[in-house]
Amino acid sequence: MSNRTSPTFKNGASYEQDDDASNTDQQKPPFVVRNQYFPTKMPRHSRKDDMPLNQSRCSQRPLSNLSRILPATNTDCVISRGNVNMKNNQRPNSQTRRRPSNSRVKSSKSMGFNRIGSITTIEQLKENIKDLCNKDILKARNNHEFLIVKQNALIEQLDEDDDRRPIREALLKELKEQLNAFNAIVSSLSTCNTSNLSEAQHHWSILNREIRRLEFHLPIYARHLDLIDPNIYGRVLILKADTGSGKSTQLVQYLADALLAKQGQIICTQPRRLAARALACRVAEEFGCKLGEEVGLHIGVSRALVSDRTRILFVTEAVLLNEYCNDPMLTAYSVVIIDEAHERRIDTDLLLGAMKICLKQRKDIKLIIMSATLDDKLLCNYYNDACFMNIPGRTFPIEDEYASEDPEDYVDAAIKKTLEILVSGQSGDILVFLTGPEEIYRAINQISSKVKHYGSILLLPLHGKLNEEEMDLVFKASPNRERKIIFATNVAETSITIDGIRHVIDSGMVKEMMWDPQSKTRALKVGYTTQSSVMQRRGRAGRTAIGKCYHLYTIDTYESLEVCPRAEILCIRPSIAILKLKYLGIGDD
């Protein structure tokens, strides 16, 4: 199959499309986990999401005058740990804060690092803020300064022509920018005079979050100040941030802490339900709240997990399109973020068009489009006044290993490679990319009897039909520290991080819904993926430690792949796109 000019597809039957283009809802045989048998149902959920109807460069802003970005006090809207206190004690306008009557979530009590617990007076809280500034903030700053000194020492040891020197210098610059951002934001928050307990609690929470962000030192933190200043990028920002930069989890928090949610929620779309759920849970944990409080979630036809306190909302693209159909002005939101825009699903493209119309009608709404591999020139041309910002990622070193020839059966090849990793004694969890649940459970059943001799192994599936408890097994640490081997579809490509992954086995295949002009039907076909998807899969191995990616195809096959995926609107029946446009009320005029 090498030396091809374009990827070829294997024959496939017509199926209903789902998150990962799964093609079966049959009852599968059980698979072994810790010598116990678990049923492997694959229920097909009702999917309202999928119903047919439904280079200019930003300048670096100085690190001063932060009062206009991070106001010290805000009497019009103060987010407290109880209800949202509006000016004159008025509740949010019903037109801008629509909520389903059954979507209320009870508040949690004293959870997370930024909960106040038994502190009941503003004097107590001010003392705690002062103590935080004198101890924790100082410790975080000193630790980061030590990293800068260490990195500078490493650079001095390298020759001028050493290939590693530019990488080290870029990291040093990034660390310095992160420290500058931290100092500026902490200074503006720690010196303010809070007039009530709610404001003091709000600043206490932000200070704690800033400490953790500096400790994580993700690449996106170096551009924190630019990202929260709309005067830098205007109303539309095209954000190209590499894998591992932290864009999906951190940006929404930066905007919320800068009080950009005071006029409406910050809504972030994801192309897949699994990614939306995983991100919402992760952000809620980092934000110090329960899911459904400050951080909400709405996917498919399930009940929305939101409350009056919700400032950040994760949704699938179809949910926001339905909101647009009911309210083309999107009055409930102040910032709209379209994540993973490179996938070019039909809902993604329709949402990009709908937002262009909305931007003309509303002057106070902001749009951020982001991905690691998006076509920034195409989007900048589409949004004439858009600003482009590029944030490099930082993953650990990843070693690539290509096959000497393309396999006849990539599932068997994936199983063989998994066993080779176990036999070699290499540590770390393993992530295997296949195309659908049938292949996943086939691999799990075949490998389950062969891994008993390699210690305690936890075999896990990951695809769009899993329920919440089954997905928790993938993302949470195993209670008995078993080694994880995860067989996943392309839902694991983007937006999620699975701690412990050191090895990625890429079959190079994907299952996609295509329009067959001969049979005039939509068909689910298996074929080669794209180079951009390969890079996304590869990046899963280097998110938290040094990793290795095993490509089950030759380097010639990789070079023959298409660079980016085709827009879904080019692969479906034209009438489907037309019907969706009519449903949204978008016409030629």
Protein backbone atom coordinates (compact mmCIF):
# COMPACT_ATOMS: atom_id res chain seq x y z
CA MET A 1 0.00 0.00 0.00
CA SER A 2 3.01 2.26 0.03
CA ASN A 3 3.75 4.95 -2.54
CA ARG A 4 0.06 5.74 -2.90
CA THR A 5 -1.02 9.17 -4.04
CA SER A 6 -4.18 9.12 -1.96
CA PRO A 7 -5.63 6.82 0.69
CA THR A 8 -8.01 4.09 -0.41
CA PHE A 9 -11.08 2.88 1.46
CA LYS A 10 -12.21 -0.60 2.28
CA ASN A 11 -15.77 -1.57 1.56
CA GLY A 12 -18.21 -0.79 4.31
CA ALA A 13 -21.93 -0.94 4.91
CA SER A 14 -24.26 1.92 5.68
CA TYR A 15 -24.74 2.75 9.37
CA GLU A 16 -25.97 5.56 11.51
CA GLN A 17 -23.10 7.83 12.51
CA ASP A 18 -22.12 8.36 16.13
CA ASP A 19 -19.32 10.07 18.06
CA ASP A 20 -16.70 7.67 16.80
CA ALA A 21 -18.62 6.36 13.78
CA SER A 22 -19.39 3.08 15.53
CA ASN A 23 -21.29 0.56 13.50
CA THR A 24 -22.86 -1.83 15.92
CA ASP A 25 -25.02 -2.01 19.00
CA GLN A 26 -24.91 -5.76 19.42
CA GLN A 27 -24.18 -7.49 22.70
CA LYS A 28 -20.44 -8.28 22.76
CA PRO A 29 -18.69 -11.09 24.64
CA PRO A 30 -17.28 -10.21 28.04
CA PHE A 31 -13.66 -9.19 28.49
CA VAL A 32 -11.25 -9.92 31.31
CA VAL A 33 -10.28 -7.29 33.84
CA ARG A 34 -8.35 -8.48 36.90
CA ASN A 35 -9.55 -12.04 36.21
CA GLN A 36 -13.18 -10.95 36.48
CA TYR A 37 -15.71 -10.86 33.70
CA PHE A 38 -17.65 -7.77 32.84
CA PRO A 39 -20.44 -7.52 30.27
CA THR A 40 -19.59 -5.28 27.36
CA LYS A 41 -22.86 -3.75 26.27
CA MET A 42 -22.63 -1.06 23.69
CA PRO A 43 -25.96 0.78 23.94
CA ARG A 44 -26.82 3.23 21.22
CA HIS A 45 -27.85 6.43 22.88
CA SER A 46 -30.43 8.72 21.44
CA ARG A 47 -28.51 11.41 19.62
CA LYS A 48 -30.21 14.73 19.22
CA ASP A 49 -26.72 15.97 18.38
CA ASP A 50 -26.70 14.07 15.10
CA MET A 51 -30.21 14.64 13.83
CA PRO A 52 -30.24 15.71 10.20
CA LEU A 53 -32.05 18.98 10.92
CA ASN A 54 -30.36 19.95 13.48
CA GLN A 55 -1.34 36.68 9.19
CA SER A 56 -1.82 39.26 11.29
CA ARG A 57 0.18 38.77 14.46
CA CYS A 58 -0.96 39.98 17.87
CA SER A 59 1.34 42.45 19.54
CA GLN A 60 2.61 41.74 23.02
CA ARG A 61 0.84 43.88 25.56
CA PRO A 62 2.85 45.42 28.42
CA LEU A 63 2.39 43.90 31.85
CA SER A 64 1.02 47.06 33.41
CA ASN A 65 -2.36 48.72 33.75
CA LEU A 66 -4.09 45.46 34.66
CA SER A 67 -6.98 47.19 36.36
CA ARG A 68 -8.93 47.34 33.12
CA ILE A 69 -8.47 43.59 32.62
CA LEU A 70 -8.69 42.24 36.16
CA PRO A 71 -10.82 44.72 38.11
CA ALA A 72 -10.07 44.65 41.80
CA THR A 73 -13.70 45.09 42.73
CA ASN A 74 -16.91 44.61 40.87
CA THR A 75 -20.09 45.70 42.56
CA ASP A 76 -22.24 44.93 39.55
CA CYS A 77 -21.55 41.20 39.60
CA VAL A 78 -19.64 39.37 42.30
CA ILE A 79 -19.35 35.61 42.05
CA SER A 80 -19.68 34.19 45.52
CA ARG A 81 -19.76 30.69 46.91
CA GLY A 82 -23.47 31.07 47.39
CA ASN A 83 -25.73 32.67 44.82
CA VAL A 84 -24.68 35.19 42.18
CA ASN A 85 -25.06 38.65 43.70
CA MET A 86 -26.29 41.05 41.07
CA LYS A 87 -26.51 44.81 41.38
CA ASN A 88 -29.42 45.89 43.57
CA ASN A 89 -29.81 42.20 44.49
CA GLN A 90 -31.65 41.51 41.25
CA ARG A 91 -31.65 38.04 39.70
CA PRO A 92 -30.27 37.60 36.16
CA ASN A 93 -32.56 38.64 33.37
CA SER A 94 -34.67 35.70 32.26
CA GLN A 95 -33.99 36.43 28.60
CA THR A 96 -30.25 36.21 29.02
CA ARG A 97 -30.17 33.39 31.57
CA ARG A 98 -32.53 30.79 30.24
CA ARG A 99 -32.38 27.51 32.15
CA PRO A 100 -34.43 24.34 31.93
CA SER A 101 -36.67 24.05 34.94
CA ASN A 102 -35.26 20.62 35.76
CA SER A 103 -31.60 21.55 35.43
CA ARG A 104 -30.89 22.89 38.92
CA VAL A 105 -27.87 21.57 40.74
CA LYS A 106 -27.43 21.71 44.49
CA SER A 107 -24.37 23.53 45.78
CA SER A 108 -21.48 21.61 47.27
CA LYS A 109 -20.00 22.43 50.67
CA SER A 110 -16.39 23.29 51.26
CA MET A 111 -14.76 21.28 48.47
CA GLY A 112 -11.68 22.07 46.42
CA PHE A 113 -8.61 24.12 47.21
CA ASN A 114 -10.45 27.43 46.89
CA ARG A 115 -13.26 26.70 49.31
CA ILE A 116 -13.32 28.91 52.35
CA GLY A 117 -14.65 26.34 54.83
CA SER A 118 -15.33 27.82 58.26
CA ILE A 119 -14.17 31.35 57.41
CA THR A 120 -17.18 33.58 58.02
CA THR A 121 -15.80 37.09 58.38
CA ILE A 122 -14.01 39.31 55.91
CA GLU A 123 -11.29 40.05 58.49
CA GLN A 124 -10.46 36.34 58.76
CA LEU A 125 -10.36 35.99 55.01
CA LYS A 126 -8.14 39.03 54.55
CA GLU A 127 -5.68 37.55 57.03
CA ASN A 128 -5.70 34.31 55.06
CA ILE A 129 -5.09 36.20 51.80
CA LYS A 130 -2.19 38.02 53.45
CA ASP A 131 -0.80 34.72 54.70
CA LEU A 132 -1.24 33.24 51.22
CA CYS A 133 0.77 36.08 49.70
CA ASN A 134 3.57 35.81 52.29
CA LYS A 135 3.95 32.02 52.08
CA ASP A 136 2.34 30.11 49.22
CA ILE A 137 2.75 32.77 46.54
CA LEU A 138 6.32 33.44 47.59
CA LYS A 139 7.09 29.71 47.51
CA ALA A 140 5.57 29.28 44.04
CA ARG A 141 7.52 32.30 42.76
CA ASN A 142 10.81 31.03 44.21
CA ASN A 143 10.30 27.56 42.73
CA HIS A 144 9.64 29.05 39.30
CA GLU A 145 12.69 31.31 39.55
CA PHE A 146 14.74 28.22 40.34
CA LEU A 147 13.48 26.62 37.11
CA ILE A 148 14.61 29.70 35.19
CA VAL A 149 18.08 29.58 36.76
CA LYS A 150 18.33 25.85 36.06
CA GLN A 151 17.28 26.28 32.43
CA ASN A 152 19.76 29.12 31.97
CA ALA A 153 22.54 26.93 33.34
CA LEU A 154 21.65 24.16 30.90
CA ILE A 155 21.84 26.62 27.99
CA GLU A 156 25.29 27.81 29.03
CA GLN A 157 26.55 24.21 28.89
CA LEU A 158 25.51 23.85 25.23
CA ASP A 159 27.58 24.88 22.23
CA GLU A 160 26.34 27.67 19.99
CA ASP A 161 25.65 25.24 17.14
CA ASP A 162 23.94 22.64 19.31
CA ASP A 163 20.47 21.75 17.97
CA ARG A 164 19.08 21.69 21.50
CA ARG A 165 20.02 25.29 22.21
CA PRO A 166 17.07 26.98 20.38
CA ILE A 167 14.65 24.66 22.18
CA ARG A 168 16.15 25.48 25.56
CA GLU A 169 16.15 29.21 24.81
CA ALA A 170 12.49 29.11 23.77
CA LEU A 171 11.62 27.30 27.01
CA LEU A 172 13.58 29.86 29.03
CA LYS A 173 11.70 32.72 27.38
CA GLU A 174 8.41 30.95 28.07
CA LEU A 175 9.26 30.47 31.77
CA LYS A 176 10.13 34.16 32.12
CA GLU A 177 6.88 35.24 30.47
CA GLN A 178 4.93 32.95 32.79
CA LEU A 179 6.57 34.51 35.82
CA ASN A 180 5.85 38.03 34.53
CA ALA A 181 2.19 37.13 34.02
CA PHE A 182 1.96 35.59 37.48
CA ASN A 183 3.55 38.59 39.19
CA ALA A 184 1.31 41.07 37.40
CA ILE A 185 -1.94 39.22 38.09
CA VAL A 186 -1.12 38.39 41.71
CA SER A 187 -0.04 41.98 42.37
CA SER A 188 -3.33 43.37 41.06
CA LEU A 189 -5.35 40.93 43.17
CA SER A 190 -3.43 40.88 46.44
CA THR A 191 -3.29 44.67 46.87
CA CYS A 192 -6.97 45.39 46.22
CA ASN A 193 -9.40 46.49 48.91
CA THR A 194 -12.36 44.13 49.06
CA SER A 195 -15.50 45.66 50.50
CA ASN A 196 -17.43 42.48 51.29
CA LEU A 197 -16.98 38.79 51.97
CA SER A 198 -18.03 37.71 48.48
CA GLU A 199 -15.35 39.81 46.81
CA ALA A 200 -12.72 38.55 49.25
CA GLN A 201 -13.74 34.95 48.57
CA HIS A 202 -13.54 35.61 44.84
CA HIS A 203 -9.98 36.95 45.12
CA TRP A 204 -8.96 34.14 47.45
CA SER A 205 -10.11 31.59 44.87
CA ILE A 206 -8.31 33.29 41.98
CA LEU A 207 -5.06 33.57 43.94
CA ASN A 208 -5.13 29.85 44.70
CA ARG A 209 -5.79 29.04 41.07
CA GLU A 210 -2.95 31.30 39.91
CA ILE A 211 -0.54 29.46 42.20
CA ARG A 212 -1.52 26.14 40.70
CA ARG A 213 -1.28 27.49 37.16
CA LEU A 214 2.27 28.68 37.74
CA GLU A 215 3.17 25.29 39.19
CA PHE A 216 1.76 23.56 36.10
CA HIS A 217 3.67 26.09 33.89
CA LEU A 218 1.71 25.11 30.80
CA PRO A 219 2.77 26.98 27.63
CA ILE A 220 -0.53 28.88 27.37
CA TYR A 221 0.11 30.55 30.74
CA ALA A 222 2.84 32.67 29.13
CA ARG A 223 0.10 34.39 27.07
CA HIS A 224 -2.37 34.65 29.95
CA LEU A 225 -2.44 38.45 29.93
CA ASP A 226 -2.99 38.70 26.17
CA LEU A 227 -5.78 36.14 26.24
CA ILE A 228 -7.82 38.00 28.86
CA ASP A 229 -7.42 41.39 27.20
CA PRO A 230 -10.01 41.71 24.39
CA ASN A 231 -8.40 44.98 23.35
CA ILE A 232 -5.50 42.91 22.05
CA TYR A 233 -7.46 40.64 19.73
CA GLY A 234 -10.74 42.50 19.21
CA ARG A 235 -13.90 40.44 18.75
CA VAL A 236 -12.55 37.39 16.91
CA LEU A 237 -9.45 35.42 17.85
CA ILE A 238 -8.01 32.54 15.82
CA LEU A 239 -5.93 30.59 18.34
CA LYS A 240 -3.53 27.96 17.05
CA ALA A 241 -2.15 26.20 20.10
CA ASP A 242 -0.18 22.98 19.83
CA THR A 243 -0.95 19.74 21.60
CA GLY A 244 -0.04 19.98 25.27
CA SER A 245 -0.33 23.78 25.48
CA GLY A 246 -3.34 23.63 27.83
CA LYS A 247 -5.75 25.60 25.65
CA SER A 248 -8.83 23.40 26.19
CA THR A 249 -8.71 23.44 30.00
CA GLN A 250 -7.08 26.77 30.82
CA LEU A 251 -8.50 29.41 28.47
CA VAL A 252 -12.06 29.22 29.80
CA GLN A 253 -10.76 29.61 33.34
CA TYR A 254 -8.65 32.64 32.44
CA LEU A 255 -11.68 34.34 30.91
CA ALA A 256 -13.94 33.51 33.85
CA ASP A 257 -11.44 34.80 36.42
CA ALA A 258 -11.11 38.03 34.41
CA LEU A 259 -14.86 38.53 34.90
CA LEU A 260 -15.61 38.23 31.18
CA ALA A 261 -18.57 36.07 32.18
CA LYS A 262 -20.34 38.85 34.06
CA GLN A 263 -22.50 39.75 31.03
CA GLY A 264 -23.15 36.15 30.02
CA GLN A 265 -21.74 32.67 30.17
CA ILE A 266 -18.56 31.51 28.48
CA ILE A 267 -19.59 28.60 26.26
CA CYS A 268 -17.10 26.17 24.77
CA THR A 269 -18.09 23.67 22.07
CA GLN A 270 -16.56 20.25 21.46
CA PRO A 271 -17.19 18.00 18.46
CA ARG A 272 -17.59 14.91 20.65
CA ARG A 273 -19.63 14.18 23.76
CA LEU A 274 -16.80 12.27 25.41
CA ALA A 275 -14.39 15.20 25.09
CA ALA A 276 -17.01 17.68 26.35
CA ARG A 277 -17.73 15.57 29.41
CA ALA A 278 -14.07 14.89 30.18
CA LEU A 279 -13.11 18.56 29.85
CA ALA A 280 -16.03 19.75 31.97
CA CYS A 281 -15.07 17.36 34.77
CA ARG A 282 -11.41 18.36 34.58
CA VAL A 283 -12.11 22.10 34.56
CA ALA A 284 -14.62 21.79 37.42
CA GLU A 285 -11.97 19.99 39.48
CA GLU A 286 -9.36 22.66 38.76
CA PHE A 287 -11.85 25.45 39.38
CA GLY A 288 -12.73 24.00 42.78
CA CYS A 289 -16.41 23.24 42.27
CA LYS A 290 -18.81 20.44 41.50
CA LEU A 291 -19.84 19.86 37.91
CA GLY A 292 -23.05 21.86 37.48
CA GLU A 293 -22.02 24.78 39.68
CA GLU A 294 -19.59 27.32 38.21
CA VAL A 295 -18.75 24.82 35.45
CA GLY A 296 -21.68 23.29 33.54
CA LEU A 297 -22.22 20.60 30.92
CA HIS A 298 -24.89 20.03 28.27
CA ILE A 299 -24.54 17.25 25.71
CA GLY A 300 -27.12 15.52 23.53
CA VAL A 301 -30.63 15.20 24.86
CA SER A 302 -29.47 14.61 28.43
CA ARG A 303 -30.42 17.02 31.20
CA ALA A 304 -28.18 20.07 31.33
CA LEU A 305 -25.96 20.24 34.41
CA VAL A 306 -26.13 23.96 35.10
CA SER A 307 -27.19 26.37 37.83
CA ASP A 308 -27.58 30.10 38.42
CA ARG A 309 -23.88 30.17 39.31
CA THR A 310 -22.69 28.62 36.06
CA ARG A 311 -20.11 30.77 34.28
CA ILE A 312 -18.40 28.17 32.07
CA LEU A 313 -20.49 25.81 29.94
CA PHE A 314 -19.17 22.90 27.85
CA VAL A 315 -21.48 21.68 25.09
CA THR A 316 -21.42 19.75 21.85
CA GLU A 317 -21.65 21.78 18.66
CA ALA A 318 -25.18 20.62 17.93
CA VAL A 319 -26.38 21.95 21.31
CA LEU A 320 -25.16 25.44 20.49
CA LEU A 321 -26.69 25.23 17.01
CA ASN A 322 -30.02 24.42 18.63
CA GLU A 323 -29.56 27.43 20.93
CA TYR A 324 -28.85 29.56 17.86
CA CYS A 325 -32.05 28.30 16.22
CA ASN A 326 -34.05 29.47 19.26
CA ASP A 327 -32.07 32.66 19.82
CA PRO A 328 -29.91 33.86 16.89
CA MET A 329 -28.49 36.61 19.11
CA LEU A 330 -27.16 34.07 21.66
CA THR A 331 -28.01 36.55 24.40
CA ALA A 332 -27.11 34.11 27.19
CA TYR A 333 -23.42 34.14 26.25
CA SER A 334 -20.65 36.71 26.25
CA VAL A 335 -17.86 34.55 24.79
CA VAL A 336 -18.22 31.64 22.35
CA ILE A 337 -15.26 29.26 21.98
CA ILE A 338 -15.22 26.72 19.14
CA ASP A 339 -12.61 24.10 20.02
CA GLU A 340 -11.05 21.51 17.67
CA ALA A 341 -12.20 23.48 14.64
CA HIS A 342 -9.76 21.55 12.43
CA GLU A 343 -12.10 18.53 12.33
CA ARG A 344 -14.42 20.41 9.94
CA ARG A 345 -17.56 18.48 10.83
CA ILE A 346 -20.72 19.79 9.25
CA ASP A 347 -21.87 21.20 12.59
CA THR A 348 -18.49 22.94 12.95
CA ASP A 349 -18.79 24.65 9.57
CA LEU A 350 -22.43 25.61 10.16
CA LEU A 351 -21.50 27.04 13.55
CA LEU A 352 -18.69 29.09 12.02
CA GLY A 353 -21.18 30.54 9.53
CA ALA A 354 -23.84 31.16 12.17
CA MET A 355 -21.34 32.99 14.38
CA LYS A 356 -20.39 35.30 11.52
CA ILE A 357 -24.04 36.33 11.29
CA CYS A 358 -24.30 36.67 15.07
CA LEU A 359 -21.21 38.89 15.21
CA LYS A 360 -22.87 41.33 12.81
CA GLN A 361 -25.99 41.49 15.00
CA ARG A 362 -24.25 41.67 18.40
CA LYS A 363 -21.36 44.01 19.02
CA ASP A 364 -20.66 42.77 22.55
CA ILE A 365 -20.12 39.05 21.84
CA LYS A 366 -16.64 37.60 21.32
CA LEU A 367 -15.60 34.53 19.34
CA ILE A 368 -12.52 32.37 19.83
CA ILE A 369 -11.75 29.57 17.37
CA MET A 370 -8.96 27.23 18.39
CA SER A 371 -7.21 24.01 17.48
CA ALA A 372 -3.73 22.57 17.22
CA THR A 373 -3.88 22.00 13.46
CA LEU A 374 -6.45 24.46 12.08
CA ASP A 375 -6.07 26.31 8.77
CA ASP A 376 -5.45 29.78 10.19
CA LYS A 377 -5.21 31.48 6.76
CA LEU A 378 -8.61 30.14 5.71
CA LEU A 379 -10.27 31.32 8.93
CA CYS A 380 -8.54 34.72 8.91
CA ASN A 381 -9.82 35.29 5.40
CA TYR A 382 -13.34 34.27 6.44
CA TYR A 383 -13.36 36.58 9.47
CA ASN A 384 -11.83 39.74 8.07
CA ASP A 385 -11.21 41.44 11.42
CA ALA A 386 -9.85 38.32 13.14
CA CYS A 387 -6.56 38.32 15.00
CA PHE A 388 -4.26 35.30 14.85
CA MET A 389 -2.31 34.06 17.86
CA ASN A 390 0.05 31.09 17.86
CA ILE A 391 1.03 29.29 21.07
CA PRO A 392 3.64 26.53 20.84
CA GLY A 393 2.97 23.35 22.73
CA ARG A 394 5.32 21.50 24.98
CA THR A 395 5.23 17.74 25.00
CA PHE A 396 7.87 15.41 26.29
CA PRO A 397 10.18 13.79 23.73
CA ILE A 398 8.41 11.15 21.63
CA GLU A 399 10.21 8.42 19.71
CA ASP A 400 8.62 7.21 16.46
CA GLU A 401 8.81 3.65 15.17
CA TYR A 402 7.43 2.80 11.73
CA ALA A 403 6.67 -0.65 10.36
CA SER A 404 8.80 -2.17 7.61
CA GLU A 405 5.65 -3.01 5.65
CA ASP A 406 1.92 -2.36 5.88
CA PRO A 407 0.08 -5.13 7.79
CA GLU A 408 -2.62 -7.31 6.26
CA ASP A 409 -4.69 -7.09 9.47
CA TYR A 410 -3.99 -4.00 11.55
CA VAL A 411 -5.98 -5.33 14.55
CA ASP A 412 -3.76 -8.42 14.80
CA ALA A 413 -0.72 -6.19 14.30
CA ALA A 414 -1.87 -3.94 17.16
CA ILE A 415 -2.32 -6.94 19.47
CA LYS A 416 1.14 -8.27 18.53
CA LYS A 417 2.78 -4.90 19.19
CA THR A 418 1.02 -4.59 22.56
CA LEU A 419 2.40 -7.97 23.64
CA GLU A 420 5.88 -6.98 22.43
CA ILE A 421 5.81 -3.93 24.71
CA LEU A 422 4.80 -6.11 27.66
CA VAL A 423 7.50 -8.69 26.92
CA SER A 424 10.17 -5.97 26.67
CA GLY A 425 9.46 -4.92 30.24
CA GLN A 426 8.93 -1.25 29.37
CA SER A 427 6.83 0.61 31.93
CA GLY A 428 3.85 2.86 31.30
CA ASP A 429 0.27 2.55 30.11
CA ILE A 430 -0.56 1.73 26.49
CA LEU A 431 -3.08 3.45 24.20
CA VAL A 432 -4.10 1.61 21.01
CA PHE A 433 -6.03 3.37 18.23
CA LEU A 434 -8.54 1.22 16.32
CA THR A 435 -11.64 2.19 14.31
CA GLY A 436 -14.71 1.00 16.23
CA PRO A 437 -16.17 -1.00 19.14
CA GLU A 438 -16.16 -4.27 17.17
CA GLU A 439 -12.41 -4.12 16.69
CA ILE A 440 -11.89 -2.89 20.25
CA TYR A 441 -13.71 -5.80 21.88
CA ARG A 442 -12.17 -8.28 19.47
CA ALA A 443 -8.71 -7.10 20.55
CA ILE A 444 -9.61 -7.14 24.24
CA ASN A 445 -10.99 -10.69 24.02
CA GLN A 446 -7.95 -11.98 22.14
CA ILE A 447 -5.38 -10.36 24.41
CA SER A 448 -7.07 -10.97 27.77
CA SER A 449 -5.78 -14.54 28.14
CA LYS A 450 -2.23 -13.58 27.10
CA VAL A 451 -1.47 -10.79 29.58
CA LYS A 452 -1.88 -12.73 32.83
CA HIS A 453 1.85 -13.37 33.03
CA TYR A 454 2.77 -9.68 32.98
CA GLY A 455 1.37 -8.55 36.32
CA SER A 456 -1.90 -6.84 37.06
CA ILE A 457 -3.32 -5.53 33.79
CA LEU A 458 -6.47 -3.47 33.30
CA LEU A 459 -7.95 -3.79 29.80
CA LEU A 460 -10.25 -0.90 28.95
CA PRO A 461 -12.31 0.22 25.93
CA LEU A 462 -12.73 3.88 24.99
CA HIS A 463 -15.36 4.92 22.45
CA GLY A 464 -18.38 7.18 22.16
CA LYS A 465 -20.94 4.70 23.49
CA LEU A 466 -19.50 4.26 26.99
CA ASN A 467 -21.41 5.53 29.99
CA GLU A 468 -19.93 7.85 32.59
CA GLU A 469 -18.79 5.11 34.98
CA GLU A 470 -17.02 3.22 32.21
CA MET A 471 -15.20 6.36 31.11
CA ASP A 472 -14.10 7.09 34.68
CA LEU A 473 -12.13 3.84 34.63
CA VAL A 474 -10.08 5.26 31.75
CA PHE A 475 -9.36 8.73 33.14
CA LYS A 476 -9.00 8.03 36.86
CA ALA A 477 -6.07 6.26 38.46
CA SER A 478 -6.74 2.58 39.01
CA PRO A 479 -7.30 1.82 42.72
CA ASN A 480 -4.82 -1.08 42.76
CA ARG A 481 -2.29 0.62 40.47
CA GLU A 482 -2.89 -1.80 37.62
CA ARG A 483 -1.23 -1.09 34.31
CA LYS A 484 -3.77 0.17 31.78
CA ILE A 485 -4.05 -0.98 28.19
CA ILE A 486 -6.68 1.18 26.49
CA PHE A 487 -8.17 0.32 23.10
CA ALA A 488 -9.74 3.47 21.69
CA THR A 489 -11.33 4.98 18.62
CA ASN A 490 -10.43 8.44 17.34
CA VAL A 491 -12.39 9.99 20.23
CA ALA A 492 -9.08 9.83 22.13
CA GLU A 493 -7.25 11.94 19.53
CA THR A 494 -8.02 15.40 20.86
CA SER A 495 -9.01 17.43 23.93
CA ILE A 496 -8.35 14.71 26.48
CA THR A 497 -5.32 13.72 28.53
CA ILE A 498 -4.96 10.26 30.02
CA ASP A 499 -2.30 10.32 32.71
CA GLY A 500 0.23 7.52 32.55
CA ILE A 501 0.23 6.92 28.78
CA ARG A 502 3.78 6.19 27.61
CA HIS A 503 3.09 4.10 24.51
CA VAL A 504 0.76 4.82 21.60
CA ILE A 505 0.05 2.18 18.95
CA ASP A 506 -1.45 3.81 15.87
CA SER A 507 -3.20 1.59 13.34
CA GLY A 508 -3.40 4.57 10.99
CA MET A 509 -7.02 3.72 10.25
CA VAL A 510 -10.29 5.52 10.88
CA LYS A 511 -13.97 4.88 10.28
CA GLU A 512 -15.75 7.75 8.54
CA MET A 513 -19.20 8.45 7.23
CA MET A 514 -19.07 9.02 3.47
CA TRP A 515 -21.61 9.80 0.76
CA ASP A 516 -21.74 7.09 -1.88
CA PRO A 517 -22.99 8.71 -5.13
CA GLN A 518 -23.61 5.33 -6.77
CA SER A 519 -25.93 3.93 -4.12
CA LYS A 520 -27.03 7.44 -3.08
CA THR A 521 -26.68 6.55 0.58
CA ARG A 522 -24.37 7.43 3.44
CA ALA A 523 -21.87 4.65 4.10
CA LEU A 524 -19.54 4.08 7.02
CA LYS A 525 -16.16 3.18 5.55
CA VAL A 526 -12.79 2.26 6.99
CA GLY A 527 -9.77 3.97 5.49
CA TYR A 528 -6.49 5.64 6.26
CA THR A 529 -6.54 8.68 8.52
CA THR A 530 -4.72 11.97 7.81
CA GLN A 531 -1.29 13.25 8.77
CA SER A 532 -2.81 15.78 11.18
CA SER A 533 -4.70 12.99 12.96
CA VAL A 534 -1.51 10.94 13.17
CA MET A 535 0.20 13.86 14.90
CA GLN A 536 -2.72 14.20 17.31
CA ARG A 537 -2.55 10.50 18.17
CA ARG A 538 1.21 10.64 18.52
CA GLY A 539 0.91 13.52 20.97
CA ARG A 540 -1.04 11.40 23.44
CA ALA A 541 2.22 9.62 24.31
CA GLY A 542 4.09 12.74 25.37
CA ARG A 543 1.53 14.64 27.41
CA THR A 544 2.87 13.78 30.88
CA ALA A 545 6.18 11.97 30.30
CA ILE A 546 8.61 10.71 27.65
CA GLY A 547 6.79 8.41 25.26
CA LYS A 548 6.95 6.32 22.12
CA CYS A 549 4.59 5.99 19.16
CA TYR A 550 4.45 2.75 17.17
CA HIS A 551 3.09 3.32 13.65
CA LEU A 552 1.69 0.11 12.16
CA TYR A 553 2.47 1.31 8.62
CA THR A 554 5.51 2.42 6.68
CA ILE A 555 6.93 5.91 6.47
CA ASP A 556 6.03 5.93 2.76
CA THR A 557 2.41 5.23 3.63
CA TYR A 558 2.41 8.10 6.13
CA GLU A 559 3.84 10.53 3.57
CA SER A 560 1.11 9.54 1.09
CA LEU A 561 -1.71 10.43 3.48
CA GLU A 562 -3.74 13.59 3.07
CA VAL A 563 -2.48 16.38 5.29
CA CYS A 564 -5.84 17.43 6.76
CA PRO A 565 -9.26 15.77 6.87
CA ARG A 566 -11.80 16.75 4.23
CA ALA A 567 -14.65 18.91 5.37
CA GLU A 568 -17.61 16.68 6.22
CA ILE A 569 -19.90 18.87 4.15
CA LEU A 570 -18.03 17.57 1.06
CA CYS A 571 -18.62 13.95 2.08
CA ILE A 572 -22.38 13.95 2.69
CA ARG A 573 -25.48 14.32 0.60
CA PRO A 574 -25.88 18.03 -0.27
CA SER A 575 -29.52 18.02 0.81
CA ILE A 576 -28.46 17.26 4.40
CA ALA A 577 -26.49 20.50 4.61
CA ILE A 578 -29.32 22.42 2.97
CA LEU A 579 -31.87 21.06 5.44
CA LYS A 580 -29.67 22.03 8.36
CA LEU A 581 -29.34 25.56 7.00
CA LYS A 582 -33.11 25.80 6.62
CA TYR A 583 -33.56 24.50 10.16
CA LEU A 584 -31.27 27.26 11.42
CA GLY A 585 -33.20 29.86 9.45
CA ILE A 586 -30.21 30.75 7.28
CA GLY A 587 -31.08 31.62 3.68
CA ASP A 588 -29.47 33.22 0.64
CA ASP A 589 -30.15 36.69 1.96
